[in-house]
Amino acid sequence: MPLTMNREVFITCAVTGSGGTQDRSPHVPRSPEEIANSAIDAARAGAAVVHCHVREPESGKPSRRVELYREVTERIRESEVDVVLNLTAGMGGDMIFGPTERPLPVQEGTDMAGAAERVKHVAECLPEICTLDCGTMNFAEADYVMTNTPGMLRAMGAMMTELGVKPEIEAFDTGHLWFAKELVKEGVLKGPALVQLCMGVPWGAPDDLNTYLAMVNNVPEDWHWSAFSLGRNQMPFVAASVLAGGNVRVGLEDNLFLDKGVLATNAQLVERAVGIVENMGAKVIGPEAVRQKLGLVKRAPK
């Protein structure tokens, strides 16, 4: 796949995530009101898409509670700011094993749910986009495994397609792209698909340029894609994504800092990304252009 710079770029802001960052920065939103307000500020700064997890308001721990998703989406929809809603569906596949000599029973923190439960909030809130983590992966945290079996992904993908919600395929390694192409081939997902290349997440694809280009070259030419990396490499990957023909993701889910020692807000990260994109000679497009490009329909639940 030849590298062709993208001249019309959309920016996704990953607002809060589910990692243990809630006590590392006062800007990481916890409550539905804080998450919605941060998403709205990011949209005002230039994000066409906001990618939202929810957290328990008091502790900041990740949550799957439908009522929290409902409040976040209602607050965003009721604001005067237009933005494409992207809700995670990555929760409910967390498995934490015991010691190496006694891995079973699984340990506290394991959260394994069925396909229907994992997309329940998607069915209720009807965002334009929701994520589909397209494979199982070891994470850096001790013996935690993000579990997404082929059967589970086929079931969840079919539900998303039936709901009319566009899956954003989260690809943490090349094998995830391989399976995503199989899902489209089988008709579980509709093409052209939407992909997020997740770089530098231990222990998935590292964010060196050779691996990144291998990921890019495995995305079918007619698919739409974005990419991101973590921490200090978040902004370099803004430029790399545009140069390679893709779109951009920034936000506090992936990086807490604007500069060394300077904690960022979501809006500040988006503003920095807008500057990089425009200084490269590309245009940042808004939510309505994204809907047209991706075939999305803005709608509220009945």
C-alpha atoms as a PDB file:
ATOM      1  CA  MET A   1       0.000   0.000   0.000  1.00  0.00           C
ATOM      2  CA  PRO A   2       1.647   3.275  -1.066  1.00  0.00           C
ATOM      3  CA  LEU A   3       1.740   6.081   1.467  1.00  0.00           C
ATOM      4  CA  THR A   4      -0.565   8.914   0.460  1.00  0.00           C
ATOM      5  CA  MET A   5      -1.039  11.816   2.843  1.00  0.00           C
ATOM      6  CA  ASN A   6      -4.579  12.344   4.073  1.00  0.00           C
ATOM      7  CA  ARG A   7      -5.739  15.878   3.199  1.00  0.00           C
ATOM      8  CA  GLU A   8      -9.076  15.696   5.058  1.00  0.00           C
ATOM      9  CA  VAL A   9      -8.531  14.435   8.590  1.00  0.00           C
ATOM     10  CA  PHE A  10     -10.942  13.752  11.413  1.00  0.00           C
ATOM     11  CA  ILE A  11      -9.833  13.809  15.022  1.00  0.00           C
ATOM     12  CA  THR A  12     -11.148  11.431  17.672  1.00  0.00           C
ATOM     13  CA  CYS A  13     -10.773  12.363  21.334  1.00  0.00           C
ATOM     14  CA  ALA A  14     -10.575   9.384  23.705  1.00  0.00           C
ATOM     15  CA  VAL A  15     -11.955  11.179  26.727  1.00  0.00           C
ATOM     16  CA  THR A  16     -11.233   9.067  29.814  1.00  0.00           C
ATOM     17  CA  GLY A  17     -10.538   5.372  29.143  1.00  0.00           C
ATOM     18  CA  SER A  18     -10.603   2.604  31.742  1.00  0.00           C
ATOM     19  CA  GLY A  19      -6.988   2.598  32.899  1.00  0.00           C
ATOM     20  CA  GLY A  20      -5.810   3.522  36.369  1.00  0.00           C
ATOM     21  CA  THR A  21      -5.164   7.172  35.506  1.00  0.00           C
ATOM     22  CA  GLN A  22      -7.932   8.697  37.606  1.00  0.00           C
ATOM     23  CA  ASP A  23      -5.573   9.644  40.454  1.00  0.00           C
ATOM     24  CA  ARG A  24      -2.679  10.760  38.243  1.00  0.00           C
ATOM     25  CA  SER A  25      -4.321  13.879  36.861  1.00  0.00           C
ATOM     26  CA  PRO A  26      -7.159  16.094  38.111  1.00  0.00           C
ATOM     27  CA  HIS A  27      -8.235  16.520  34.476  1.00  0.00           C
ATOM     28  CA  VAL A  28      -9.261  12.865  34.001  1.00  0.00           C
ATOM     29  CA  PRO A  29     -13.081  13.012  34.164  1.00  0.00           C
ATOM     30  CA  ARG A  30     -14.970  10.605  36.410  1.00  0.00           C
ATOM     31  CA  SER A  31     -18.650  11.462  36.698  1.00  0.00           C
ATOM     32  CA  PRO A  32     -21.007  11.417  33.695  1.00  0.00           C
ATOM     33  CA  GLU A  33     -21.239  15.210  33.894  1.00  0.00           C
ATOM     34  CA  GLU A  34     -17.450  15.591  33.891  1.00  0.00           C
ATOM     35  CA  ILE A  35     -17.045  13.107  31.020  1.00  0.00           C
ATOM     36  CA  ALA A  36     -19.729  14.811  28.953  1.00  0.00           C
ATOM     37  CA  ASN A  37     -18.334  18.296  29.624  1.00  0.00           C
ATOM     38  CA  SER A  38     -14.817  17.176  28.696  1.00  0.00           C
ATOM     39  CA  ALA A  39     -16.146  15.583  25.503  1.00  0.00           C
ATOM     40  CA  ILE A  40     -18.032  18.771  24.605  1.00  0.00           C
ATOM     41  CA  ASP A  41     -14.913  20.878  25.215  1.00  0.00           C
ATOM     42  CA  ALA A  42     -12.924  18.508  22.990  1.00  0.00           C
ATOM     43  CA  ALA A  43     -15.538  18.873  20.250  1.00  0.00           C
ATOM     44  CA  ARG A  44     -15.348  22.662  20.497  1.00  0.00           C
ATOM     45  CA  ALA A  45     -11.561  22.368  20.138  1.00  0.00           C
ATOM     46  CA  GLY A  46     -11.891  20.420  16.882  1.00  0.00           C
ATOM     47  CA  ALA A  47     -12.647  16.764  17.661  1.00  0.00           C
ATOM     48  CA  ALA A  48     -15.269  15.371  15.276  1.00  0.00           C
ATOM     49  CA  VAL A  49     -15.598  12.140  17.288  1.00  0.00           C
ATOM     50  CA  VAL A  50     -15.575  11.538  21.048  1.00  0.00           C
ATOM     51  CA  HIS A  51     -14.761   8.039  22.312  1.00  0.00           C
ATOM     52  CA  CYS A  52     -16.264   7.490  25.760  1.00  0.00           C
ATOM     53  CA  HIS A  53     -15.862   5.022  28.598  1.00  0.00           C
ATOM     54  CA  VAL A  54     -17.604   5.563  31.937  1.00  0.00           C
ATOM     55  CA  ARG A  55     -16.241   5.440  35.458  1.00  0.00           C
ATOM     56  CA  GLU A  56     -17.699   5.117  38.926  1.00  0.00           C
ATOM     57  CA  PRO A  57     -18.146   8.772  39.932  1.00  0.00           C
ATOM     58  CA  GLU A  58     -16.677   8.438  43.448  1.00  0.00           C
ATOM     59  CA  SER A  59     -13.744   6.090  42.900  1.00  0.00           C
ATOM     60  CA  GLY A  60     -12.999   6.705  39.228  1.00  0.00           C
ATOM     61  CA  LYS A  61     -12.819   2.945  38.634  1.00  0.00           C
ATOM     62  CA  PRO A  62     -13.988   1.677  35.218  1.00  0.00           C
ATOM     63  CA  SER A  63     -17.657   0.786  34.983  1.00  0.00           C
ATOM     64  CA  ARG A  64     -20.137  -0.885  32.632  1.00  0.00           C
ATOM     65  CA  ARG A  65     -23.267   0.606  34.218  1.00  0.00           C
ATOM     66  CA  VAL A  66     -25.810   1.431  31.522  1.00  0.00           C
ATOM     67  CA  GLU A  67     -27.251   4.373  33.453  1.00  0.00           C
ATOM     68  CA  LEU A  68     -23.857   6.081  33.426  1.00  0.00           C
ATOM     69  CA  TYR A  69     -23.573   5.677  29.644  1.00  0.00           C
ATOM     70  CA  ARG A  70     -27.121   6.945  29.274  1.00  0.00           C
ATOM     71  CA  GLU A  71     -26.358  10.095  31.253  1.00  0.00           C
ATOM     72  CA  VAL A  72     -23.146  10.796  29.320  1.00  0.00           C
ATOM     73  CA  THR A  73     -24.826  10.410  25.934  1.00  0.00           C
ATOM     74  CA  GLU A  74     -27.884  12.442  26.932  1.00  0.00           C
ATOM     75  CA  ARG A  75     -25.750  15.299  28.204  1.00  0.00           C
ATOM     76  CA  ILE A  76     -23.697  15.373  24.999  1.00  0.00           C
ATOM     77  CA  ARG A  77     -26.761  15.155  22.775  1.00  0.00           C
ATOM     78  CA  GLU A  78     -28.573  17.890  24.687  1.00  0.00           C
ATOM     79  CA  SER A  79     -25.665  20.303  24.319  1.00  0.00           C
ATOM     80  CA  GLU A  80     -25.509  22.740  21.414  1.00  0.00           C
ATOM     81  CA  VAL A  81     -22.274  21.123  20.181  1.00  0.00           C
ATOM     82  CA  ASP A  82     -22.479  18.552  17.379  1.00  0.00           C
ATOM     83  CA  VAL A  83     -20.113  15.587  17.650  1.00  0.00           C
ATOM     84  CA  VAL A  84     -20.066  11.920  16.600  1.00  0.00           C
ATOM     85  CA  LEU A  85     -20.587   9.597  19.581  1.00  0.00           C
ATOM     86  CA  ASN A  86     -18.303   6.572  19.894  1.00  0.00           C
ATOM     87  CA  LEU A  87     -18.916   4.338  22.929  1.00  0.00           C
ATOM     88  CA  THR A  88     -16.571   1.585  24.030  1.00  0.00           C
ATOM     89  CA  ALA A  89     -17.810  -2.000  23.981  1.00  0.00           C
ATOM     90  CA  GLY A  90     -14.491  -3.305  25.242  1.00  0.00           C
ATOM     91  CA  MET A  91     -15.565  -3.917  28.818  1.00  0.00           C
ATOM     92  CA  GLY A  92     -16.731  -7.306  30.082  1.00  0.00           C
ATOM     93  CA  GLY A  93     -13.859  -9.374  28.725  1.00  0.00           C
ATOM     94  CA  ASP A  94     -11.397  -8.986  31.588  1.00  0.00           C
ATOM     95  CA  MET A  95      -9.798 -12.129  32.999  1.00  0.00           C
ATOM     96  CA  ILE A  96      -7.252 -12.072  35.831  1.00  0.00           C
ATOM     97  CA  PHE A  97      -5.532 -15.352  36.534  1.00  0.00           C
ATOM     98  CA  GLY A  98      -4.002 -16.577  39.760  1.00  0.00           C
ATOM     99  CA  PRO A  99      -0.326 -17.508  40.344  1.00  0.00           C
ATOM    100  CA  THR A 100       1.489 -19.423  37.620  1.00  0.00           C
ATOM    101  CA  GLU A 101       1.203 -22.736  39.494  1.00  0.00           C
ATOM    102  CA  ARG A 102      -2.483 -22.194  40.349  1.00  0.00           C
ATOM    103  CA  PRO A 103      -3.996 -19.976  37.657  1.00  0.00           C
ATOM    104  CA  LEU A 104      -7.533 -21.106  38.518  1.00  0.00           C
ATOM    105  CA  PRO A 105      -9.833 -20.010  39.991  1.00  0.00           C
ATOM    106  CA  VAL A 106      -9.646 -16.592  38.376  1.00  0.00           C
ATOM    107  CA  GLN A 107      -8.966 -13.698  40.697  1.00  0.00           C
ATOM    108  CA  GLU A 108     -10.783 -10.619  41.933  1.00  0.00           C
ATOM    109  CA  GLY A 109     -11.217  -8.083  39.164  1.00  0.00           C
ATOM    110  CA  THR A 110     -12.267 -10.651  36.572  1.00  0.00           C
ATOM    111  CA  ASP A 111     -15.270  -9.342  34.661  1.00  0.00           C
ATOM    112  CA  MET A 112     -16.559 -11.736  32.006  1.00  0.00           C
ATOM    113  CA  ALA A 113     -19.944 -10.973  30.459  1.00  0.00           C
ATOM    114  CA  GLY A 114     -21.991 -12.377  27.595  1.00  0.00           C
ATOM    115  CA  ALA A 115     -22.206 -10.707  24.202  1.00  0.00           C
ATOM    116  CA  ALA A 116     -25.656  -9.185  24.761  1.00  0.00           C
ATOM    117  CA  GLU A 117     -24.606  -7.711  28.101  1.00  0.00           C
ATOM    118  CA  ARG A 118     -21.424  -6.274  26.615  1.00  0.00           C
ATOM    119  CA  VAL A 119     -23.405  -4.333  24.018  1.00  0.00           C
ATOM    120  CA  LYS A 120     -26.438  -3.557  26.201  1.00  0.00           C
ATOM    121  CA  HIS A 121     -25.476   0.102  26.607  1.00  0.00           C
ATOM    122  CA  VAL A 122     -24.900   0.365  22.847  1.00  0.00           C
ATOM    123  CA  ALA A 123     -28.398  -0.967  22.156  1.00  0.00           C
ATOM    124  CA  GLU A 124     -29.884   1.493  24.634  1.00  0.00           C
ATOM    125  CA  CYS A 125     -27.881   4.622  23.726  1.00  0.00           C
ATOM    126  CA  LEU A 126     -27.501   4.000  19.953  1.00  0.00           C
ATOM    127  CA  PRO A 127     -24.267   5.906  19.309  1.00  0.00           C
ATOM    128  CA  GLU A 128     -23.066   6.305  15.737  1.00  0.00           C
ATOM    129  CA  ILE A 129     -19.947   4.210  16.491  1.00  0.00           C
ATOM    130  CA  CYS A 130     -18.922   1.639  19.094  1.00  0.00           C
ATOM    131  CA  THR A 131     -15.647  -0.208  19.467  1.00  0.00           C
ATOM    132  CA  LEU A 132     -14.939  -3.881  18.797  1.00  0.00           C
ATOM    133  CA  ASP A 133     -11.596  -5.057  20.222  1.00  0.00           C
ATOM    134  CA  CYS A 134     -10.777  -7.584  17.528  1.00  0.00           C
ATOM    135  CA  GLY A 135      -8.738 -10.133  19.480  1.00  0.00           C
ATOM    136  CA  THR A 136      -7.461 -11.449  22.791  1.00  0.00           C
ATOM    137  CA  MET A 137      -4.326  -9.856  24.229  1.00  0.00           C
ATOM    138  CA  ASN A 138      -2.014  -9.944  27.230  1.00  0.00           C
ATOM    139  CA  PHE A 139      -1.740  -6.557  28.921  1.00  0.00           C
ATOM    140  CA  ALA A 140       1.135  -5.213  30.981  1.00  0.00           C
ATOM    141  CA  GLU A 141      -0.812  -5.437  34.230  1.00  0.00           C
ATOM    142  CA  ALA A 142       0.352  -8.699  35.896  1.00  0.00           C
ATOM    143  CA  ASP A 143      -1.773 -11.638  34.708  1.00  0.00           C
ATOM    144  CA  TYR A 144      -4.611  -9.656  33.125  1.00  0.00           C
ATOM    145  CA  VAL A 145      -5.858 -10.855  29.740  1.00  0.00           C
ATOM    146  CA  MET A 146      -8.288  -8.918  27.540  1.00  0.00           C
ATOM    147  CA  THR A 147     -10.435 -11.785  26.282  1.00  0.00           C
ATOM    148  CA  ASN A 148     -12.281 -11.613  22.953  1.00  0.00           C
ATOM    149  CA  THR A 149     -12.825 -15.049  21.415  1.00  0.00           C
ATOM    150  CA  PRO A 150     -13.759 -15.467  17.746  1.00  0.00           C
ATOM    151  CA  GLY A 151     -17.252 -16.607  18.752  1.00  0.00           C
ATOM    152  CA  MET A 152     -17.734 -13.621  21.056  1.00  0.00           C
ATOM    153  CA  LEU A 153     -16.562 -11.186  18.380  1.00  0.00           C
ATOM    154  CA  ARG A 154     -18.844 -12.715  15.762  1.00  0.00           C
ATOM    155  CA  ALA A 155     -21.798 -12.415  18.139  1.00  0.00           C
ATOM    156  CA  MET A 156     -21.021  -8.852  19.214  1.00  0.00           C
ATOM    157  CA  GLY A 157     -20.246  -7.747  15.667  1.00  0.00           C
ATOM    158  CA  ALA A 158     -23.538  -9.160  14.402  1.00  0.00           C
ATOM    159  CA  MET A 159     -25.439  -7.320  17.141  1.00  0.00           C
ATOM    160  CA  MET A 160     -23.734  -4.033  16.280  1.00  0.00           C
ATOM    161  CA  THR A 161     -24.522  -4.498  12.596  1.00  0.00           C
ATOM    162  CA  GLU A 162     -28.146  -5.293  13.391  1.00  0.00           C
ATOM    163  CA  LEU A 163     -28.398  -2.153  15.549  1.00  0.00           C
ATOM    164  CA  GLY A 164     -27.037   0.001  12.730  1.00  0.00           C
ATOM    165  CA  VAL A 165     -24.083   1.123  14.848  1.00  0.00           C
ATOM    166  CA  LYS A 166     -20.732   1.304  13.034  1.00  0.00           C
ATOM    167  CA  PRO A 167     -18.111  -0.903  14.714  1.00  0.00           C
ATOM    168  CA  GLU A 168     -14.699   0.686  15.108  1.00  0.00           C
ATOM    169  CA  ILE A 169     -12.313  -2.263  14.960  1.00  0.00           C
ATOM    170  CA  GLU A 170      -9.632  -1.842  17.619  1.00  0.00           C
ATOM    171  CA  ALA A 171      -6.531  -3.551  16.231  1.00  0.00           C
ATOM    172  CA  PHE A 172      -3.709  -4.075  18.723  1.00  0.00           C
ATOM    173  CA  ASP A 173      -1.695  -6.341  16.418  1.00  0.00           C
ATOM    174  CA  THR A 174      -1.659  -7.606  12.833  1.00  0.00           C
ATOM    175  CA  GLY A 175      -3.633 -10.742  13.696  1.00  0.00           C
ATOM    176  CA  HIS A 176      -6.526  -8.555  14.806  1.00  0.00           C
ATOM    177  CA  LEU A 177      -6.645  -7.020  11.332  1.00  0.00           C
ATOM    178  CA  TRP A 178      -6.537 -10.496   9.813  1.00  0.00           C
ATOM    179  CA  PHE A 179      -9.616 -11.520  11.805  1.00  0.00           C
ATOM    180  CA  ALA A 180     -11.371  -8.211  11.074  1.00  0.00           C
ATOM    181  CA  LYS A 181     -11.037  -8.914   7.357  1.00  0.00           C
ATOM    182  CA  GLU A 182     -12.543 -12.344   7.975  1.00  0.00           C
ATOM    183  CA  LEU A 183     -15.531 -10.774   9.757  1.00  0.00           C
ATOM    184  CA  VAL A 184     -16.174  -8.551   6.749  1.00  0.00           C
ATOM    185  CA  LYS A 185     -15.719 -11.509   4.384  1.00  0.00           C
ATOM    186  CA  GLU A 186     -18.289 -13.501   6.387  1.00  0.00           C
ATOM    187  CA  GLY A 187     -20.736 -10.593   6.342  1.00  0.00           C
ATOM    188  CA  VAL A 188     -20.690 -10.157  10.135  1.00  0.00           C
ATOM    189  CA  LEU A 189     -19.411  -6.618   9.587  1.00  0.00           C
ATOM    190  CA  LYS A 190     -20.191  -4.431   6.608  1.00  0.00           C
ATOM    191  CA  GLY A 191     -17.425  -3.007   4.459  1.00  0.00           C
ATOM    192  CA  PRO A 192     -15.757  -0.653   4.099  1.00  0.00           C
ATOM    193  CA  ALA A 193     -14.857  -1.080   7.752  1.00  0.00           C
ATOM    194  CA  LEU A 194     -13.506   1.439  10.245  1.00  0.00           C
ATOM    195  CA  VAL A 195     -10.268   0.607  12.078  1.00  0.00           C
ATOM    196  CA  GLN A 196      -8.338   2.107  14.977  1.00  0.00           C
ATOM    197  CA  LEU A 197      -4.652   1.086  15.000  1.00  0.00           C
ATOM    198  CA  CYS A 198      -3.646   0.890  18.667  1.00  0.00           C
ATOM    199  CA  MET A 199       0.135   1.279  18.828  1.00  0.00           C
ATOM    200  CA  GLY A 200       2.484   0.948  21.765  1.00  0.00           C
ATOM    201  CA  VAL A 201       0.045  -0.798  24.132  1.00  0.00           C
ATOM    202  CA  PRO A 202       1.991  -3.488  26.039  1.00  0.00           C
ATOM    203  CA  TRP A 203       1.931  -6.304  24.849  1.00  0.00           C
ATOM    204  CA  GLY A 204       0.462  -5.555  21.454  1.00  0.00           C
ATOM    205  CA  ALA A 205       2.100  -3.930  18.459  1.00  0.00           C
ATOM    206  CA  PRO A 206       5.005  -1.675  19.466  1.00  0.00           C
ATOM    207  CA  ASP A 207       4.935   1.855  18.103  1.00  0.00           C
ATOM    208  CA  ASP A 208       8.138   1.769  16.063  1.00  0.00           C
ATOM    209  CA  LEU A 209       7.663   2.901  12.478  1.00  0.00           C
ATOM    210  CA  ASN A 210       8.372  -0.494  10.908  1.00  0.00           C
ATOM    211  CA  THR A 211       5.604  -2.154  12.908  1.00  0.00           C
ATOM    212  CA  TYR A 212       3.312   0.807  12.299  1.00  0.00           C
ATOM    213  CA  LEU A 213       3.761   0.577   8.540  1.00  0.00           C
ATOM    214  CA  ALA A 214       3.130  -3.175   8.705  1.00  0.00           C
ATOM    215  CA  MET A 215      -0.187  -2.398  10.413  1.00  0.00           C
ATOM    216  CA  VAL A 216      -1.061   0.314   7.876  1.00  0.00           C
ATOM    217  CA  ASN A 217      -0.216  -1.985   4.975  1.00  0.00           C
ATOM    218  CA  ASN A 218      -2.616  -4.612   6.356  1.00  0.00           C
ATOM    219  CA  VAL A 219      -5.609  -2.243   6.230  1.00  0.00           C
ATOM    220  CA  PRO A 220      -7.607  -2.733   2.997  1.00  0.00           C
ATOM    221  CA  GLU A 221      -7.399   0.286   0.694  1.00  0.00           C
ATOM    222  CA  ASP A 222     -11.103   1.080   0.844  1.00  0.00           C
ATOM    223  CA  TRP A 223     -11.328   0.962   4.665  1.00  0.00           C
ATOM    224  CA  HIS A 224     -11.164   4.048   6.887  1.00  0.00           C
ATOM    225  CA  TRP A 225      -8.649   4.133   9.693  1.00  0.00           C
ATOM    226  CA  SER A 226      -7.080   6.126  12.502  1.00  0.00           C
ATOM    227  CA  ALA A 227      -4.077   5.475  14.685  1.00  0.00           C
ATOM    228  CA  PHE A 228      -2.683   6.502  18.045  1.00  0.00           C
ATOM    229  CA  SER A 229       0.194   5.841  20.392  1.00  0.00           C
ATOM    230  CA  LEU A 230       0.626   6.338  24.114  1.00  0.00           C
ATOM    231  CA  GLY A 231       2.304   8.977  26.230  1.00  0.00           C
ATOM    232  CA  ARG A 232       5.054  11.060  24.673  1.00  0.00           C
ATOM    233  CA  ASN A 233       4.471   9.479  21.273  1.00  0.00           C
ATOM    234  CA  GLN A 234       0.860  10.608  21.016  1.00  0.00           C
ATOM    235  CA  MET A 235       1.624  13.774  19.053  1.00  0.00           C
ATOM    236  CA  PRO A 236       4.288  12.254  16.775  1.00  0.00           C
ATOM    237  CA  PHE A 237       1.673   9.697  15.783  1.00  0.00           C
ATOM    238  CA  VAL A 238      -0.703  12.507  14.838  1.00  0.00           C
ATOM    239  CA  ALA A 239       1.793  13.465  12.142  1.00  0.00           C
ATOM    240  CA  ALA A 240       2.572   9.841  11.237  1.00  0.00           C
ATOM    241  CA  SER A 241      -1.119   9.025  10.812  1.00  0.00           C
ATOM    242  CA  VAL A 242      -1.795  11.956   8.510  1.00  0.00           C
ATOM    243  CA  LEU A 243       1.338  11.239   6.467  1.00  0.00           C
ATOM    244  CA  ALA A 244       0.371   7.579   6.049  1.00  0.00           C
ATOM    245  CA  GLY A 245      -3.155   8.422   4.894  1.00  0.00           C
ATOM    246  CA  GLY A 246      -5.091   7.986   8.123  1.00  0.00           C
ATOM    247  CA  ASN A 247      -6.951   9.937  10.762  1.00  0.00           C
ATOM    248  CA  VAL A 248      -6.021  10.917  14.293  1.00  0.00           C
ATOM    249  CA  ARG A 249      -6.816   9.991  17.882  1.00  0.00           C
ATOM    250  CA  VAL A 250      -5.672  11.909  20.953  1.00  0.00           C
ATOM    251  CA  GLY A 251      -7.020  12.249  24.489  1.00  0.00           C
ATOM    252  CA  LEU A 252      -6.492  11.516  28.163  1.00  0.00           C
ATOM    253  CA  GLU A 253      -7.203   7.801  27.715  1.00  0.00           C
ATOM    254  CA  ASP A 254      -3.799   7.507  26.053  1.00  0.00           C
ATOM    255  CA  ASN A 255      -1.722  10.412  27.349  1.00  0.00           C
ATOM    256  CA  LEU A 256      -1.951  12.782  30.331  1.00  0.00           C
ATOM    257  CA  PHE A 257       0.638  15.388  29.334  1.00  0.00           C
ATOM    258  CA  LEU A 258       0.744  18.356  26.988  1.00  0.00           C
ATOM    259  CA  ASP A 259       4.474  18.850  27.521  1.00  0.00           C
ATOM    260  CA  LYS A 260       6.980  17.342  29.922  1.00  0.00           C
ATOM    261  CA  GLY A 261       5.595  17.876  33.417  1.00  0.00           C
ATOM    262  CA  VAL A 262       2.548  19.790  32.126  1.00  0.00           C
ATOM    263  CA  LEU A 263      -0.758  17.987  32.637  1.00  0.00           C
ATOM    264  CA  ALA A 264      -3.200  18.373  29.743  1.00  0.00           C
ATOM    265  CA  THR A 265      -6.934  18.627  29.294  1.00  0.00           C
ATOM    266  CA  ASN A 266      -8.677  16.831  26.476  1.00  0.00           C
ATOM    267  CA  ALA A 267      -9.370  20.137  24.733  1.00  0.00           C
ATOM    268  CA  GLN A 268      -5.679  21.090  24.882  1.00  0.00           C
ATOM    269  CA  LEU A 269      -4.633  17.771  23.337  1.00  0.00           C
ATOM    270  CA  VAL A 270      -7.158  18.248  20.541  1.00  0.00           C
ATOM    271  CA  GLU A 271      -5.978  21.821  19.950  1.00  0.00           C
ATOM    272  CA  ARG A 272      -2.381  20.584  19.683  1.00  0.00           C
ATOM    273  CA  ALA A 273      -3.453  17.892  17.206  1.00  0.00           C
ATOM    274  CA  VAL A 274      -5.389  20.447  15.118  1.00  0.00           C
ATOM    275  CA  GLY A 275      -2.235  22.565  14.880  1.00  0.00           C
ATOM    276  CA  ILE A 276      -0.123  19.623  13.727  1.00  0.00           C
ATOM    277  CA  VAL A 277      -2.667  18.551  11.101  1.00  0.00           C
ATOM    278  CA  GLU A 278      -3.129  22.059   9.716  1.00  0.00           C
ATOM    279  CA  ASN A 279       0.592  22.817   9.733  1.00  0.00           C
ATOM    280  CA  MET A 280       1.061  19.741   7.547  1.00  0.00           C
ATOM    281  CA  GLY A 281      -1.264  21.323   4.992  1.00  0.00           C
ATOM    282  CA  ALA A 282      -4.286  19.127   5.733  1.00  0.00           C
ATOM    283  CA  LYS A 283      -7.814  20.124   6.723  1.00  0.00           C
ATOM    284  CA  VAL A 284      -9.562  19.077   9.931  1.00  0.00           C
ATOM    285  CA  ILE A 285     -13.108  17.993   9.093  1.00  0.00           C
ATOM    286  CA  GLY A 286     -16.150  18.162  11.342  1.00  0.00           C
ATOM    287  CA  PRO A 287     -18.778  15.662  12.487  1.00  0.00           C
ATOM    288  CA  GLU A 288     -21.173  16.019   9.562  1.00  0.00           C
ATOM    289  CA  ALA A 289     -18.368  15.375   7.070  1.00  0.00           C
ATOM    290  CA  VAL A 290     -17.369  12.317   9.111  1.00  0.00           C
ATOM    291  CA  ARG A 291     -20.933  11.001   8.988  1.00  0.00           C
ATOM    292  CA  GLN A 292     -20.945  11.353   5.216  1.00  0.00           C
ATOM    293  CA  LYS A 293     -17.525   9.715   4.872  1.00  0.00           C
ATOM    294  CA  LEU A 294     -18.330   6.760   7.125  1.00  0.00           C
ATOM    295  CA  GLY A 295     -22.025   6.360   6.289  1.00  0.00           C
ATOM    296  CA  LEU A 296     -23.206   7.195   9.810  1.00  0.00           C
ATOM    297  CA  VAL A 297     -26.680   8.220  10.857  1.00  0.00           C
ATOM    298  CA  LYS A 298     -27.131  10.500  13.862  1.00  0.00           C
ATOM    299  CA  ARG A 299     -30.026   9.261  15.933  1.00  0.00           C
ATOM    300  CA  ALA A 300     -31.269   9.146  19.470  1.00  0.00           C
ATOM    301  CA  PRO A 301     -32.846   6.079  21.099  1.00  0.00           C
ATOM    302  CA  LYS A 302     -36.626   5.805  20.864  1.00  0.00           C
END
